[in-house]
C-alpha cells in the first residue's frame, strides 16, 4: 500500500479534506524558504526511486506489530 493511501485510511476522508482546506488557505511560500527547504526535503541519492511503505514495524503501514516473542 502506498503511503498516501495509508494516511487516507488512517485519518479518514473528513480529516484529509480539512487538512487540504487549511493548506489551500495558507499563503504561498517565498522563494527563499523554498530554496532553504529543498535540500532538507529532497534526497538526491534516491531521486526517482519510490520506496515501499513498510511502516515502523517493517510489515506495512496498517499491519499491527507482531506479538511473537523473540
Protein backbone atom coordinates (compact mmCIF):
# COMPACT_ATOMS: atom_id res chain seq x y z
CA UNK A 1 0.00 0.00 0.00
CA UNK A 2 1.33 3.45 -0.88
CA UNK A 3 1.94 5.89 1.99
CA UNK A 4 -0.72 8.32 0.73
CA UNK A 5 -3.26 5.50 0.80
CA UNK A 6 -2.12 4.57 4.31
CA UNK A 7 -2.58 8.13 5.56
CA UNK A 8 -6.01 8.36 3.91
CA UNK A 9 -7.08 5.09 5.56
CA UNK A 10 -5.78 6.10 8.98
CA UNK A 11 -7.02 9.71 9.02
CA UNK A 12 -10.27 9.29 7.13
CA UNK A 13 -11.77 11.37 4.33
CA UNK A 14 -13.09 14.19 6.54
CA UNK A 15 -9.74 14.85 8.24
CA UNK A 16 -7.87 14.76 4.93
CA UNK A 17 -10.40 17.21 3.42
CA UNK A 18 -9.95 19.52 6.44
CA UNK A 19 -6.15 19.42 6.12
CA UNK A 20 -6.36 20.18 2.39
CA UNK A 21 -8.66 23.13 3.12
CA UNK A 22 -6.12 24.54 5.61
CA UNK A 23 -3.26 24.04 3.16
CA UNK A 24 -5.20 25.78 0.38
CA UNK A 25 -5.84 28.76 2.70
CA UNK A 26 -2.16 29.14 3.66
CA UNK A 27 -0.16 31.91 1.98
CA UNK A 28 2.30 30.85 -0.72
CA UNK A 29 5.88 30.09 0.34
CA UNK A 30 8.59 32.57 -0.52
CA UNK A 31 11.28 31.54 -2.99
CA UNK A 32 13.87 31.91 -0.20
CA UNK A 33 12.00 29.48 2.03
CA UNK A 34 11.56 27.02 -0.82
CA UNK A 35 15.29 27.19 -1.56
CA UNK A 36 16.11 26.62 2.13
CA UNK A 37 13.75 23.65 2.44
CA UNK A 38 14.65 21.96 -0.84
CA UNK A 39 17.88 20.30 0.45
CA UNK A 40 16.06 19.07 3.53
CA UNK A 41 13.09 17.64 1.65
CA UNK A 42 14.96 16.02 -1.20
CA UNK A 43 17.24 13.02 -1.16
CA UNK A 44 19.47 13.10 -4.26
CA UNK A 45 20.77 9.58 -3.64
CA UNK A 46 17.28 8.14 -4.01
CA UNK A 47 15.91 10.58 -6.63
CA UNK A 48 13.33 8.91 -8.82
CA UNK A 49 13.02 5.86 -6.60
CA UNK A 50 9.84 5.26 -4.67
CA UNK A 51 10.41 3.23 -1.54
CA UNK A 52 7.54 0.97 -0.48
CA UNK A 53 5.70 1.96 2.64
CA UNK A 54 6.74 -0.54 5.28
CA UNK A 55 5.68 1.27 8.44
CA UNK A 56 7.56 1.30 11.73
CA UNK A 57 7.32 -2.46 12.19
CA UNK A 58 8.61 -3.29 8.69
CA UNK A 59 5.41 -5.15 7.80
CA UNK A 60 3.27 -2.43 6.17
CA UNK A 61 1.65 0.73 7.44
CA UNK A 62 -1.59 -0.83 8.58
CA UNK A 63 -0.22 -4.10 9.93
CA UNK A 64 -0.17 -4.29 13.72
CA UNK A 65 3.11 -5.04 15.45
CA UNK A 66 3.93 -8.68 15.90
CA UNK A 67 3.10 -10.20 19.28
CA UNK A 68 5.51 -13.08 18.70
CA UNK A 69 8.18 -13.30 21.37
CA UNK A 70 11.74 -13.01 20.03
